Protein backbone atom coordinates (compact mmCIF):
# COMPACT_ATOMS: atom_id res chain seq x y z
CA MET A 1 0.00 0.00 0.00
CA ASN A 2 1.39 3.40 -0.93
CA PHE A 3 1.57 6.34 1.48
CA SER A 4 -1.37 8.28 0.04
CA HIS A 5 -3.60 5.19 0.16
CA ASP A 6 -2.60 4.63 3.79
CA ILE A 7 -3.69 8.17 4.72
CA PHE A 8 -6.90 7.83 2.72
CA LEU A 9 -7.86 4.56 4.42
CA LYS A 10 -6.84 5.48 7.96
CA HIS A 11 -7.67 9.17 8.27
CA LEU A 12 -10.62 9.72 5.91
CA ALA A 13 -13.97 8.21 6.84
CA GLN A 14 -14.74 5.28 4.57
CA THR A 15 -18.10 4.63 2.93
CA THR A 16 -17.38 1.01 1.94
CA GLY A 17 -14.85 -1.67 2.70
CA SER A 18 -13.63 -1.66 -0.88
CA PRO A 19 -13.19 1.82 -2.38
CA LEU A 20 -11.89 2.07 -5.94
CA LEU A 21 -8.67 3.71 -4.69
CA LEU A 22 -8.13 5.55 -7.94
CA ASP A 23 -5.42 8.19 -7.48
CA ILE A 24 -6.40 11.45 -9.19
CA GLU A 25 -4.05 14.42 -9.48
CA ARG A 26 -5.86 16.60 -12.01
CA ALA A 27 -8.86 16.68 -14.34
CA GLU A 28 -9.65 18.34 -17.63
CA GLY A 29 -12.64 17.99 -19.95
CA VAL A 30 -13.79 14.36 -19.96
CA TYR A 31 -10.51 13.06 -18.48
CA LEU A 32 -9.02 12.38 -15.06
CA TYR A 33 -5.26 11.93 -14.66
CA SER A 34 -3.29 9.92 -12.11
CA PRO A 35 -0.02 11.20 -10.57
CA GLU A 36 1.79 8.87 -12.98
CA GLY A 37 -0.02 10.43 -15.93
CA LYS A 38 -2.49 7.64 -16.68
CA LYS A 39 -5.58 9.02 -18.38
CA TYR A 40 -9.12 7.94 -17.49
CA MET A 41 -12.19 8.88 -19.50
CA ASP A 42 -14.87 9.83 -16.98
CA LEU A 43 -18.10 8.34 -18.33
CA ILE A 44 -20.01 9.01 -15.11
CA SER A 45 -19.17 12.72 -14.68
CA GLY A 46 -18.36 12.22 -11.01
CA ILE A 47 -21.90 10.78 -10.68
CA ALA A 48 -23.81 13.36 -12.73
CA VAL A 49 -21.79 16.40 -11.61
CA SER A 50 -19.41 17.39 -14.40
CA ASN A 51 -22.03 17.80 -17.12
CA ILE A 52 -19.97 20.42 -18.95
CA GLY A 53 -16.70 18.59 -18.30
CA HIS A 54 -14.09 19.01 -15.62
CA ARG A 55 -12.65 22.49 -15.08
CA HIS A 56 -14.45 24.19 -17.93
CA PRO A 57 -12.46 27.37 -18.70
CA LYS A 58 -15.48 29.64 -18.25
CA VAL A 59 -16.27 28.11 -14.87
CA THR A 60 -12.71 28.39 -13.58
CA ALA A 61 -12.53 32.00 -14.82
CA ALA A 62 -15.77 32.84 -12.98
CA ILE A 63 -14.44 31.25 -9.79
CA LYS A 64 -11.18 33.21 -10.00
CA ASP A 65 -13.07 36.44 -10.65
CA GLN A 66 -15.25 35.92 -7.56
CA LEU A 67 -12.21 35.04 -5.44
CA ASP A 68 -10.88 38.52 -6.09
CA LYS A 69 -14.10 40.05 -4.73
CA HIS A 70 -15.12 38.12 -1.62
CA LEU A 71 -15.83 34.66 -0.23
CA HIS A 72 -18.39 34.01 2.50
CA VAL A 73 -19.67 37.17 4.18
CA MET A 74 -22.89 36.14 5.98
CA VAL A 75 -25.35 33.30 6.46
CA TYR A 76 -27.88 32.79 3.68
CA GLY A 77 -30.63 35.35 3.32
CA GLU A 78 -29.29 38.44 5.09
CA TYR A 79 -26.89 40.30 2.80
CA VAL A 80 -27.47 41.28 -0.82
CA GLN A 81 -24.72 39.83 -3.01
CA SER A 82 -24.52 40.22 -6.76
CA THR A 83 -23.52 36.66 -7.66
CA PRO A 84 -26.43 34.81 -5.97
CA ASN A 85 -28.72 37.54 -7.36
CA LEU A 86 -27.50 36.96 -10.90
CA LEU A 87 -27.76 33.18 -10.54
CA ALA A 88 -31.35 33.39 -9.26
CA LYS A 89 -32.29 35.74 -12.10
CA LYS A 90 -30.71 33.46 -14.71
CA LEU A 91 -32.10 30.22 -13.32
CA THR A 92 -35.66 31.48 -12.97
CA SER A 93 -35.53 32.98 -16.47
CA LEU A 94 -35.01 29.45 -17.79
CA LEU A 95 -37.91 27.96 -15.82
CA PRO A 96 -41.71 28.20 -15.99
CA GLU A 97 -43.22 31.31 -14.41
CA LYS A 98 -44.47 29.53 -11.28
CA LEU A 99 -40.88 28.48 -10.43
CA ASN A 100 -39.69 32.01 -9.74
CA CYS A 101 -38.06 31.91 -6.31
CA CYS A 102 -34.79 30.13 -5.39
CA TYR A 103 -33.40 28.98 -2.08
CA PHE A 104 -29.72 28.04 -2.56
CA THR A 105 -28.23 25.15 -0.61
CA ASN A 106 -24.98 23.21 -0.37
CA SER A 107 -26.09 19.87 -1.76
CA GLY A 108 -28.88 17.81 -3.23
CA THR A 109 -29.95 16.17 0.00
CA GLU A 110 -30.19 19.58 1.67
CA ALA A 111 -32.29 20.83 -1.23
CA ASN A 112 -34.65 17.90 -0.73
CA GLU A 113 -34.77 18.46 3.03
CA GLY A 114 -35.73 22.08 2.42
CA ALA A 115 -38.37 21.08 -0.13
CA LEU A 116 -40.00 18.62 2.28
CA LYS A 117 -40.06 21.19 5.06
CA LEU A 118 -41.50 23.79 2.70
CA ALA A 119 -44.32 21.49 1.60
CA LYS A 120 -45.28 20.65 5.19
CA ARG A 121 -45.12 24.28 6.25
CA TYR A 122 -47.15 25.60 3.31
CA THR A 123 -49.89 22.95 3.38
CA GLY A 124 -50.06 22.42 7.13
CA ARG A 125 -50.16 18.68 6.44
CA THR A 126 -47.84 15.91 7.54
CA GLU A 127 -48.12 12.98 5.11
CA ILE A 128 -45.37 12.62 2.52
CA ILE A 129 -45.70 10.23 -0.40
CA ALA A 130 -42.61 8.89 -2.18
CA CYS A 131 -41.87 6.14 -4.69
CA ARG A 132 -40.35 2.74 -4.26
CA GLY A 133 -36.96 2.65 -5.92
CA ALA A 134 -36.36 6.35 -5.22
CA TYR A 135 -33.11 7.86 -4.06
CA HIS A 136 -33.23 11.34 -2.57
CA GLY A 137 -30.13 11.52 -0.36
CA SER A 138 -28.58 10.24 2.85
CA THR A 139 -29.63 12.71 5.54
CA HIS A 140 -32.50 11.62 7.75
CA GLY A 141 -35.34 13.33 5.88
CA SER A 142 -34.08 12.43 2.42
CA LEU A 143 -33.35 8.88 3.51
CA SER A 144 -36.90 8.64 4.88
CA VAL A 145 -38.33 9.19 1.40
CA SER A 146 -35.79 6.98 -0.39
CA GLY A 147 -36.83 3.49 -1.38
CA ASN A 148 -33.82 1.29 -0.64
CA GLU A 149 -34.67 -0.44 2.63
CA ALA A 150 -31.21 -1.99 2.93
CA LYS A 151 -29.75 1.53 3.23
CA LYS A 152 -32.40 2.66 5.73
CA SER A 153 -32.97 -0.09 8.27
CA ALA A 154 -29.90 0.63 10.41
CA PHE A 155 -30.96 4.26 10.88
CA ARG A 156 -34.58 3.90 11.91
CA PRO A 157 -36.66 5.52 13.26
CA LEU A 158 -36.85 7.95 10.37
CA LEU A 159 -39.50 10.53 9.48
CA PRO A 160 -43.02 9.43 10.40
CA ASP A 161 -46.03 9.62 8.11
CA VAL A 162 -44.16 8.65 4.95
CA ARG A 163 -46.05 6.45 2.51
CA PHE A 164 -44.63 4.68 -0.54
CA ILE A 165 -46.26 4.04 -3.88
CA ASP A 166 -44.99 2.25 -6.98
CA PHE A 167 -43.34 4.45 -9.58
CA ASN A 168 -45.34 4.77 -12.81
CA ALA A 169 -48.34 2.95 -11.27
CA MET A 170 -51.59 4.73 -12.09
CA GLU A 171 -53.54 2.59 -9.62
CA HIS A 172 -51.59 3.99 -6.67
CA LEU A 173 -52.42 7.65 -7.32
CA ASP A 174 -55.64 7.31 -5.32
CA LEU A 175 -53.44 7.07 -2.21
CA ILE A 176 -52.79 10.82 -2.58
CA THR A 177 -55.45 12.46 -0.39
CA THR A 178 -56.25 15.65 1.50
CA ARG A 179 -53.86 14.40 4.20
CA THR A 180 -50.94 14.54 1.77
CA ALA A 181 -48.54 17.46 2.08
CA CYS A 182 -46.50 16.47 -0.95
CA VAL A 183 -45.48 13.80 -3.38
CA ILE A 184 -41.73 13.68 -4.03
CA LEU A 185 -40.26 11.77 -6.95
CA GLU A 186 -37.57 11.82 -9.57
CA PRO A 187 -39.19 12.42 -12.97
CA VAL A 188 -36.69 9.79 -14.15
CA GLN A 189 -35.50 7.48 -11.39
CA GLY A 190 -31.70 7.47 -11.33
CA ASP A 191 -30.34 5.06 -8.73
CA ALA A 192 -33.12 2.59 -9.54
CA GLY A 193 -31.46 2.17 -12.94
CA VAL A 194 -32.85 4.94 -15.19
CA ARG A 195 -36.56 4.20 -14.91
CA ILE A 196 -38.56 6.41 -17.27
CA PRO A 197 -42.28 6.95 -16.57
CA SER A 198 -45.02 7.40 -19.11
CA ASN A 199 -46.17 10.89 -19.94
CA GLU A 200 -49.70 9.82 -18.98
CA TYR A 201 -48.53 8.85 -15.50
CA LEU A 202 -46.89 12.19 -14.74
CA GLN A 203 -49.88 14.06 -16.17
CA ALA A 204 -52.25 12.04 -13.96
CA LEU A 205 -49.98 12.57 -10.94
CA ARG A 206 -50.05 16.33 -11.50
CA LYS A 207 -53.86 16.28 -11.80
CA ARG A 208 -54.29 14.20 -8.64
CA CYS A 209 -52.02 16.50 -6.61
CA ASP A 210 -54.01 19.51 -7.80
CA GLU A 211 -57.31 17.87 -6.90
CA GLN A 212 -56.15 16.98 -3.38
CA GLY A 213 -54.18 20.17 -2.67
CA ALA A 214 -50.87 18.33 -2.35
CA LEU A 215 -47.63 19.84 -3.62
CA LEU A 216 -45.62 18.02 -6.26
CA ILE A 217 -41.85 17.94 -5.77
CA PHE A 218 -39.57 16.90 -8.60
CA ASP A 219 -36.10 15.84 -7.49
CA GLU A 220 -33.87 16.68 -10.45
CA ILE A 221 -30.58 16.32 -8.62
CA GLN A 222 -29.33 13.80 -11.21
CA THR A 223 -31.55 14.56 -14.18
CA GLY A 224 -31.14 18.34 -14.23
CA ILE A 225 -28.74 20.73 -15.94
CA GLY A 226 -28.95 19.11 -19.36
CA ARG A 227 -28.44 15.45 -18.56
CA THR A 228 -31.58 14.33 -20.42
CA GLY A 229 -31.31 16.75 -23.34
CA ARG A 230 -33.47 19.41 -21.68
CA LEU A 231 -32.37 21.72 -18.90
CA PHE A 232 -34.65 19.70 -16.60
CA ALA A 233 -36.27 16.35 -17.30
CA PHE A 234 -39.78 17.54 -16.45
CA GLU A 235 -39.72 19.50 -19.73
CA HIS A 236 -39.98 16.19 -21.63
CA PHE A 237 -43.34 15.49 -20.01
CA ASN A 238 -44.97 18.93 -20.02
CA VAL A 239 -45.61 18.64 -16.28
CA ILE A 240 -44.51 21.47 -13.98
CA PRO A 241 -43.82 20.73 -10.30
CA ASP A 242 -44.68 23.00 -7.39
CA ILE A 243 -41.15 22.60 -6.04
CA LEU A 244 -38.05 21.68 -8.04
CA THR A 245 -34.77 20.55 -6.51
CA SER A 246 -31.39 20.72 -8.20
CA ALA A 247 -27.73 20.14 -7.30
CA LYS A 248 -24.88 17.95 -8.64
CA ALA A 249 -24.20 19.49 -12.08
CA LEU A 250 -25.63 22.87 -11.07
CA GLY A 251 -22.34 23.99 -9.50
CA GLY A 252 -20.11 23.06 -12.42
CA GLY A 253 -17.91 21.04 -10.04
CA LEU A 254 -18.45 23.06 -6.86
CA PRO A 255 -21.03 22.17 -4.18
CA ALA A 256 -24.26 23.95 -5.03
CA GLY A 257 -27.92 23.05 -4.78
CA ALA A 258 -31.30 24.73 -4.80
CA PHE A 259 -34.97 24.21 -4.13
CA ILE A 260 -37.13 26.40 -6.29
CA SER A 261 -40.81 27.25 -6.02
CA SER A 262 -43.19 30.18 -6.33
CA TYR A 263 -42.67 33.28 -4.24
CA GLU A 264 -46.00 32.62 -2.52
CA ILE A 265 -45.05 29.13 -1.39
CA MET A 266 -41.45 30.01 -0.53
CA HIS A 267 -42.53 33.01 1.55
CA SER A 268 -44.10 30.66 4.10
CA LEU A 269 -40.59 29.92 5.44
CA THR A 270 -40.19 33.54 6.57
CA HIS A 271 -42.74 33.46 9.41
CA ASP A 272 -44.31 31.19 12.03
CA PRO A 273 -41.49 30.45 12.64
CA MET A 274 -39.14 33.05 11.27
CA LEU A 275 -36.04 31.40 9.74
CA GLY A 276 -38.09 28.36 8.76
CA HIS A 277 -35.06 27.04 6.91
CA ILE A 278 -31.52 28.30 7.44
CA THR A 279 -28.08 27.48 6.11
CA THR A 280 -24.68 29.06 6.67
CA PHE A 281 -23.08 28.32 3.34
CA GLY A 282 -26.06 28.06 0.98
CA GLY A 283 -25.68 30.64 -1.78
CA ASN A 284 -21.92 30.78 -1.33
CA PRO A 285 -20.78 33.42 -3.86
CA VAL A 286 -17.98 31.30 -5.34
CA CYS A 287 -20.32 28.35 -5.86
CA CYS A 288 -22.97 30.64 -7.31
CA ALA A 289 -20.42 32.11 -9.73
CA ALA A 290 -19.57 28.60 -10.92
CA ALA A 291 -23.27 27.72 -11.28
CA LEU A 292 -24.02 30.88 -13.26
CA ALA A 293 -21.11 30.16 -15.61
CA THR A 294 -22.35 26.57 -16.03
CA LEU A 295 -25.77 27.74 -17.20
CA GLU A 296 -24.14 30.20 -19.58
CA VAL A 297 -21.91 27.47 -21.05
CA LEU A 298 -24.93 25.25 -21.72
CA GLU A 299 -26.46 28.07 -23.75
CA GLU A 300 -23.37 29.45 -25.48
CA GLU A 301 -22.08 26.04 -26.61
CA ASP A 302 -25.57 24.79 -27.50
CA LEU A 303 -24.88 21.62 -25.53
CA LEU A 304 -28.51 20.58 -25.04
CA ALA A 305 -29.01 20.28 -28.79
CA GLN A 306 -26.20 17.71 -28.97
CA VAL A 307 -27.35 15.39 -26.20
CA GLU A 308 -29.88 13.21 -28.01
CA GLU A 309 -27.67 12.58 -31.03
CA LYS A 310 -24.73 11.60 -28.80
CA GLY A 311 -27.00 9.38 -26.72
CA LYS A 312 -28.24 7.57 -29.82
CA MET A 313 -24.65 7.08 -30.95
CA PHE A 314 -23.70 5.37 -27.67
CA GLU A 315 -26.83 3.22 -27.84
CA LYS A 316 -26.06 2.12 -31.39
CA LEU A 317 -22.41 1.32 -30.70
CA ILE A 318 -22.82 -0.54 -27.38
CA HIS A 319 -24.76 -3.52 -28.64
CA HIS A 320 -24.14 -7.05 -27.37
CA PRO A 321 -26.30 -10.15 -26.77
CA ARG A 322 -25.28 -10.22 -23.08
CA ILE A 323 -27.06 -6.90 -22.56
CA LYS A 324 -30.61 -7.67 -21.39
CA ASP A 325 -31.95 -4.12 -21.60
CA ILE A 326 -30.79 -0.57 -22.31
CA ARG A 327 -32.66 2.23 -20.60
CA ARG A 328 -31.75 5.71 -21.79
CA ILE A 329 -32.89 9.28 -21.75
CA GLY A 330 -30.47 11.77 -23.25
CA LEU A 331 -26.98 10.91 -22.02
CA MET A 332 -28.21 8.97 -19.00
CA PHE A 333 -27.90 5.18 -19.44
CA ALA A 334 -28.49 1.92 -17.64
CA PHE A 335 -27.16 -1.25 -19.31
CA GLU A 336 -28.78 -4.25 -17.68
CA PHE A 337 -27.16 -7.68 -17.33
CA GLU A 338 -28.21 -10.97 -15.81
CA THR A 339 -26.11 -10.60 -12.65
CA GLU A 340 -24.32 -7.96 -10.63
CA GLU A 341 -21.12 -10.03 -10.92
CA GLU A 342 -21.11 -9.37 -14.66
CA VAL A 343 -21.48 -5.64 -14.04
CA TYR A 344 -18.67 -5.65 -11.49
CA HIS A 345 -16.39 -7.39 -14.01
CA ILE A 346 -17.24 -4.86 -16.73
CA VAL A 347 -16.61 -1.87 -14.47
CA LYS A 348 -13.25 -3.27 -13.33
CA GLU A 349 -12.18 -4.23 -16.84
CA CYS A 350 -13.11 -0.81 -18.25
CA LEU A 351 -11.19 0.89 -15.46
CA HIS A 352 -8.10 -1.13 -16.35
CA TYR A 353 -8.30 0.28 -19.89
CA GLY A 354 -8.92 3.83 -18.76
CA VAL A 355 -12.70 4.17 -18.94
CA ILE A 356 -14.75 4.87 -15.83
CA CYS A 357 -18.29 3.53 -15.63
CA PHE A 358 -20.13 2.43 -12.49
CA TRP A 359 -23.06 0.42 -11.14
CA PHE A 360 -26.27 1.56 -9.43
CA LEU A 361 -26.68 1.01 -5.69
CA SER A 362 -30.33 0.03 -6.06
CA CYS A 363 -29.88 -1.78 -9.37
CA PRO A 364 -26.51 -3.54 -9.14
CA ASN A 365 -27.09 -5.74 -12.19
CA SER A 366 -26.95 -2.63 -14.41
CA PHE A 367 -24.01 -0.35 -15.08
CA ARG A 368 -24.32 3.36 -15.67
CA ILE A 369 -22.79 5.80 -18.03
CA ALA A 370 -23.54 9.52 -17.90
CA PRO A 371 -20.61 11.26 -19.59
CA PRO A 372 -19.99 15.00 -19.83
CA LEU A 373 -22.24 16.51 -22.47
CA THR A 374 -19.08 17.83 -24.10
CA ILE A 375 -17.85 14.36 -25.03
CA THR A 376 -16.81 14.15 -28.70
CA HIS A 377 -17.85 11.60 -31.29
CA ASN A 378 -14.35 10.13 -31.37
CA GLU A 379 -14.37 9.80 -27.58
CA ILE A 380 -17.76 8.05 -27.78
CA ARG A 381 -16.32 5.55 -30.28
CA THR A 382 -13.24 4.92 -28.14
CA ALA A 383 -15.27 4.44 -24.96
CA SER A 384 -17.79 2.17 -26.68
CA ASP A 385 -15.04 -0.05 -28.09
CA ILE A 386 -13.52 -0.50 -24.61
CA ILE A 387 -16.89 -1.27 -23.04
CA LEU A 388 -17.62 -3.88 -25.71
CA GLN A 389 -14.18 -5.43 -25.14
CA ALA A 390 -14.97 -5.66 -21.43
CA ILE A 391 -18.34 -7.32 -22.14
CA GLN A 392 -16.67 -9.72 -24.58
CA LYS A 393 -14.41 -10.98 -21.77
CA LEU A 394 -17.34 -12.11 -19.62
């Protein structure tokens, strides 16, 4: 074991007993580089974070510019700062009119925590409905509405009054009643292995929430910021949530998240009690500068227009009889195999040849790819060839 691995394993908290232990010294575009100079193509974007690639020049320039002005100056919501202002203006300009008020956070799970609190505060109700197979984060509230029982059982008791329904199941929508504060779901389930609902289901869900006075929360932590070929996945279905959550790719590589709603709904956090949701570092000006630059890059480089064509190219090239199913929306893929052992072999083999893909925690017999949207056609061909070689060795 080398010295850096020894420090990593002994002095950094571990999340598993078998981390990948990939040494990374620098990153650029779609590539990560080891201290020895080995190049890895990052086909998972740091798990849906680096949608515009690592260290995009516009993002790093925006960060450096903000560093010359100021860093943290006050907890969220007290001082007027130009960078969070500009980000809120830009983000809401790209969203439907009813999503006009942003609360910036540090992460996706915090965004979801804030959204759940907001729904309970605004409606005065307590019941939360979530979907089986969902993943919304690891803090207590977010874990409470996530569907993987194996990840939850050791941490019970969790939030009370949480009820689960099947994703994309019309017959379960009747369980949404006047007791329901909110329904939270991913418009495309990520950790469950890229599960895409029918348009009819999301339309019916929206109608049922309206009829019962429940708020609809879309968790777009993974699906947002261009991953599916639209800025947010809900745009594919013509269904607008009452609360939208975003993080991961929003910060362009820095920690940034948000829950977004109408001014009317969001204003309920300002009274009874005052400071209904608070955060020290939410809306950090450096992170907001990176997020603003990320949104500008998506527009200026016309990246959304390229997503579907690149996704189709991957899907056409990665074709093998061992693959049981391919689930895709935009550049978000799940390749399903018979067993999780096959997936583990493919991930390890690809890593050996310098391509990073990964499995899903709640769908271990599928492997994921979700590359930077900036990936080139030649890079797609190279990556696909290596993945096929790995499958061939099964």
